[in-house]
Amino acid sequence: MEITANTTVDTAATTTIEAPTEILLNPALTLLEEPMSLASAIKAMDSDGWLTAVVPVGIWSLIDSRVSENEESGEDYAIVAAMVAESVIPVQMGYKVIGVRPDNVLLLEATFELKEALATCYDEDELAELEAQAS
């Protein structure tokens, strides 16, 4: 006994679904479209010296920021550059993907220890001046 099935697909009934321009898992979060100034970042850091922001970072900038095998990875630099306008080298950092854009841009909730990063980049007098500007 043979069993055959006939399936008819009505192609006229199919509809196109347009992808959203951006998917942010928590719409209550504010996306930082431009890096903040160092003074603003100092103001925004918490009492433990950590800065947290939601930033868009292109997946290709994460890949391109990899360095040669003889050096340490620079992958976090693209994320920090999206957070703070001035050059700051992260010492401790973490991030999670919380959204995506269709143009290969990831929306990241990133956190890094700004106070420690500043201590490696600036001397005590420069730090005091930066903190005074932030006040």
C-alpha atoms as a PDB file:
ATOM      1  CA  MET A   1       0.000   0.000   0.000  1.00  0.00           C
ATOM      2  CA  GLU A   2       1.419   3.375  -1.029  1.00  0.00           C
ATOM      3  CA  ILE A   3       0.691   6.607   0.714  1.00  0.00           C
ATOM      4  CA  THR A   4       1.078   9.810  -1.221  1.00  0.00           C
ATOM      5  CA  ALA A   5       0.459  13.309  -0.116  1.00  0.00           C
ATOM      6  CA  ASN A   6      -0.443  16.246  -2.245  1.00  0.00           C
ATOM      7  CA  THR A   7       0.534  19.628  -0.899  1.00  0.00           C
ATOM      8  CA  THR A   8      -0.520  22.854  -2.505  1.00  0.00           C
ATOM      9  CA  VAL A   9       1.146  26.127  -1.544  1.00  0.00           C
ATOM     10  CA  ASP A  10      -0.708  29.323  -2.265  1.00  0.00           C
ATOM     11  CA  THR A  11       2.119  31.703  -3.171  1.00  0.00           C
ATOM     12  CA  ALA A  12      -0.256  34.628  -3.567  1.00  0.00           C
ATOM     13  CA  ALA A  13      -1.064  34.467   0.147  1.00  0.00           C
ATOM     14  CA  THR A  14       2.527  34.905   1.367  1.00  0.00           C
ATOM     15  CA  THR A  15       3.487  38.243   2.836  1.00  0.00           C
ATOM     16  CA  THR A  16       6.814  39.908   3.331  1.00  0.00           C
ATOM     17  CA  ILE A  17       7.868  40.757   6.839  1.00  0.00           C
ATOM     18  CA  GLU A  18      10.301  43.608   7.130  1.00  0.00           C
ATOM     19  CA  ALA A  19      12.984  43.259   9.765  1.00  0.00           C
ATOM     20  CA  PRO A  20      13.003  45.975  12.397  1.00  0.00           C
ATOM     21  CA  THR A  21      15.768  48.531  12.131  1.00  0.00           C
ATOM     22  CA  GLU A  22      16.891  47.826  15.673  1.00  0.00           C
ATOM     23  CA  ILE A  23      16.185  45.235  18.312  1.00  0.00           C
ATOM     24  CA  LEU A  24      16.984  46.354  21.853  1.00  0.00           C
ATOM     25  CA  LEU A  25      16.117  43.716  24.442  1.00  0.00           C
ATOM     26  CA  ASN A  26      15.333  46.314  27.087  1.00  0.00           C
ATOM     27  CA  PRO A  27      13.806  49.435  25.471  1.00  0.00           C
ATOM     28  CA  ALA A  28      14.085  51.290  28.795  1.00  0.00           C
ATOM     29  CA  LEU A  29      17.871  51.485  28.362  1.00  0.00           C
ATOM     30  CA  THR A  30      19.338  54.585  26.792  1.00  0.00           C
ATOM     31  CA  LEU A  31      21.663  53.990  23.873  1.00  0.00           C
ATOM     32  CA  LEU A  32      24.770  56.189  23.798  1.00  0.00           C
ATOM     33  CA  GLU A  33      25.134  57.142  20.117  1.00  0.00           C
ATOM     34  CA  GLU A  34      28.230  59.336  20.583  1.00  0.00           C
ATOM     35  CA  PRO A  35      31.077  58.748  23.048  1.00  0.00           C
ATOM     36  CA  MET A  36      30.905  60.905  26.154  1.00  0.00           C
ATOM     37  CA  SER A  37      33.666  63.294  27.167  1.00  0.00           C
ATOM     38  CA  LEU A  38      36.081  62.157  29.841  1.00  0.00           C
ATOM     39  CA  ALA A  39      34.592  64.663  32.290  1.00  0.00           C
ATOM     40  CA  SER A  40      31.096  63.284  31.621  1.00  0.00           C
ATOM     41  CA  ALA A  41      32.386  59.729  32.015  1.00  0.00           C
ATOM     42  CA  ILE A  42      33.943  60.585  35.373  1.00  0.00           C
ATOM     43  CA  LYS A  43      30.604  62.064  36.484  1.00  0.00           C
ATOM     44  CA  ALA A  44      28.743  58.969  35.263  1.00  0.00           C
ATOM     45  CA  MET A  45      30.977  56.373  36.940  1.00  0.00           C
ATOM     46  CA  ASP A  46      29.652  54.720  40.067  1.00  0.00           C
ATOM     47  CA  SER A  47      31.163  55.011  43.557  1.00  0.00           C
ATOM     48  CA  ASP A  48      33.439  52.020  42.886  1.00  0.00           C
ATOM     49  CA  GLY A  49      34.892  53.671  39.768  1.00  0.00           C
ATOM     50  CA  TRP A  50      33.029  51.623  37.133  1.00  0.00           C
ATOM     51  CA  LEU A  51      31.429  53.167  34.049  1.00  0.00           C
ATOM     52  CA  THR A  52      28.470  51.438  32.384  1.00  0.00           C
ATOM     53  CA  ALA A  53      26.870  52.438  29.090  1.00  0.00           C
ATOM     54  CA  VAL A  54      24.860  50.918  26.260  1.00  0.00           C
ATOM     55  CA  VAL A  55      26.772  51.490  23.029  1.00  0.00           C
ATOM     56  CA  PRO A  56      26.541  50.457  19.374  1.00  0.00           C
ATOM     57  CA  VAL A  57      29.680  48.686  18.139  1.00  0.00           C
ATOM     58  CA  GLY A  58      30.134  47.317  14.649  1.00  0.00           C
ATOM     59  CA  ILE A  59      31.019  43.654  14.602  1.00  0.00           C
ATOM     60  CA  TRP A  60      33.795  44.388  12.108  1.00  0.00           C
ATOM     61  CA  SER A  61      35.435  46.914  14.434  1.00  0.00           C
ATOM     62  CA  LEU A  62      35.608  44.188  17.064  1.00  0.00           C
ATOM     63  CA  ILE A  63      37.238  41.832  14.593  1.00  0.00           C
ATOM     64  CA  ASP A  64      39.590  44.500  13.169  1.00  0.00           C
ATOM     65  CA  SER A  65      40.757  45.549  16.622  1.00  0.00           C
ATOM     66  CA  ARG A  66      42.487  42.206  17.107  1.00  0.00           C
ATOM     67  CA  VAL A  67      46.250  42.648  17.100  1.00  0.00           C
ATOM     68  CA  SER A  68      49.187  40.426  16.166  1.00  0.00           C
ATOM     69  CA  GLU A  69      49.925  37.289  18.175  1.00  0.00           C
ATOM     70  CA  ASN A  70      52.885  38.941  19.914  1.00  0.00           C
ATOM     71  CA  GLU A  71      50.706  41.567  21.552  1.00  0.00           C
ATOM     72  CA  GLU A  72      47.709  41.507  23.814  1.00  0.00           C
ATOM     73  CA  SER A  73      44.265  41.561  22.301  1.00  0.00           C
ATOM     74  CA  GLY A  74      42.842  45.030  21.674  1.00  0.00           C
ATOM     75  CA  GLU A  75      39.252  43.940  21.181  1.00  0.00           C
ATOM     76  CA  ASP A  76      37.923  45.996  24.089  1.00  0.00           C
ATOM     77  CA  TYR A  77      39.386  49.229  22.739  1.00  0.00           C
ATOM     78  CA  ALA A  78      36.625  49.612  20.139  1.00  0.00           C
ATOM     79  CA  ILE A  79      34.033  49.258  22.894  1.00  0.00           C
ATOM     80  CA  VAL A  80      35.737  51.781  25.182  1.00  0.00           C
ATOM     81  CA  ALA A  81      36.121  54.183  22.231  1.00  0.00           C
ATOM     82  CA  ALA A  82      32.331  54.002  21.769  1.00  0.00           C
ATOM     83  CA  MET A  83      31.903  54.899  25.445  1.00  0.00           C
ATOM     84  CA  VAL A  84      34.544  57.618  26.029  1.00  0.00           C
ATOM     85  CA  ALA A  85      35.849  60.103  23.458  1.00  0.00           C
ATOM     86  CA  GLU A  86      39.371  60.313  24.920  1.00  0.00           C
ATOM     87  CA  SER A  87      41.768  57.398  24.613  1.00  0.00           C
ATOM     88  CA  VAL A  88      41.484  55.199  27.696  1.00  0.00           C
ATOM     89  CA  ILE A  89      42.942  51.694  27.933  1.00  0.00           C
ATOM     90  CA  PRO A  90      40.629  49.363  29.862  1.00  0.00           C
ATOM     91  CA  VAL A  91      42.143  47.242  32.606  1.00  0.00           C
ATOM     92  CA  GLN A  92      39.015  45.353  33.617  1.00  0.00           C
ATOM     93  CA  MET A  93      35.986  45.180  31.367  1.00  0.00           C
ATOM     94  CA  GLY A  94      32.870  43.209  30.642  1.00  0.00           C
ATOM     95  CA  TYR A  95      29.998  43.454  28.201  1.00  0.00           C
ATOM     96  CA  LYS A  96      26.940  41.624  27.024  1.00  0.00           C
ATOM     97  CA  VAL A  97      25.028  41.836  23.775  1.00  0.00           C
ATOM     98  CA  ILE A  98      21.594  43.279  24.472  1.00  0.00           C
ATOM     99  CA  GLY A  99      20.491  44.133  20.955  1.00  0.00           C
ATOM    100  CA  VAL A 100      21.353  44.232  17.302  1.00  0.00           C
ATOM    101  CA  ARG A 101      20.925  46.366  14.216  1.00  0.00           C
ATOM    102  CA  PRO A 102      20.611  44.863  10.739  1.00  0.00           C
ATOM    103  CA  ASP A 103      23.830  46.552   9.548  1.00  0.00           C
ATOM    104  CA  ASN A 104      26.065  44.236  11.652  1.00  0.00           C
ATOM    105  CA  VAL A 105      26.053  46.573  14.644  1.00  0.00           C
ATOM    106  CA  LEU A 106      25.807  45.011  18.078  1.00  0.00           C
ATOM    107  CA  LEU A 107      24.208  46.909  20.941  1.00  0.00           C
ATOM    108  CA  LEU A 108      26.333  46.226  23.998  1.00  0.00           C
ATOM    109  CA  GLU A 109      25.840  46.944  27.656  1.00  0.00           C
ATOM    110  CA  ALA A 110      29.481  47.536  28.542  1.00  0.00           C
ATOM    111  CA  THR A 111      31.158  48.161  31.873  1.00  0.00           C
ATOM    112  CA  PHE A 112      34.769  48.959  32.599  1.00  0.00           C
ATOM    113  CA  GLU A 113      36.738  50.185  35.575  1.00  0.00           C
ATOM    114  CA  LEU A 114      37.295  53.779  34.533  1.00  0.00           C
ATOM    115  CA  LYS A 115      39.024  54.878  37.738  1.00  0.00           C
ATOM    116  CA  GLU A 116      41.699  52.184  37.389  1.00  0.00           C
ATOM    117  CA  ALA A 117      42.107  52.909  33.666  1.00  0.00           C
ATOM    118  CA  LEU A 118      42.610  56.604  34.406  1.00  0.00           C
ATOM    119  CA  ALA A 119      45.232  55.793  37.030  1.00  0.00           C
ATOM    120  CA  THR A 120      47.283  53.969  34.384  1.00  0.00           C
ATOM    121  CA  CYS A 121      46.984  56.819  31.844  1.00  0.00           C
ATOM    122  CA  TYR A 122      47.296  59.964  33.992  1.00  0.00           C
ATOM    123  CA  ASP A 123      49.466  61.091  36.891  1.00  0.00           C
ATOM    124  CA  GLU A 124      47.938  62.318  40.180  1.00  0.00           C
ATOM    125  CA  ASP A 125      47.904  66.019  39.201  1.00  0.00           C
ATOM    126  CA  GLU A 126      46.207  65.313  35.870  1.00  0.00           C
ATOM    127  CA  LEU A 127      43.645  63.086  37.612  1.00  0.00           C
ATOM    128  CA  ALA A 128      42.872  65.806  40.160  1.00  0.00           C
ATOM    129  CA  GLU A 129      42.359  68.285  37.317  1.00  0.00           C
ATOM    130  CA  LEU A 130      40.061  65.875  35.432  1.00  0.00           C
ATOM    131  CA  GLU A 131      37.999  65.229  38.567  1.00  0.00           C
ATOM    132  CA  ALA A 132      37.734  69.007  39.178  1.00  0.00           C
ATOM    133  CA  GLN A 133      36.431  69.473  35.615  1.00  0.00           C
ATOM    134  CA  ALA A 134      33.867  66.753  36.231  1.00  0.00           C
ATOM    135  CA  SER A 135      32.512  68.426  39.366  1.00  0.00           C
END
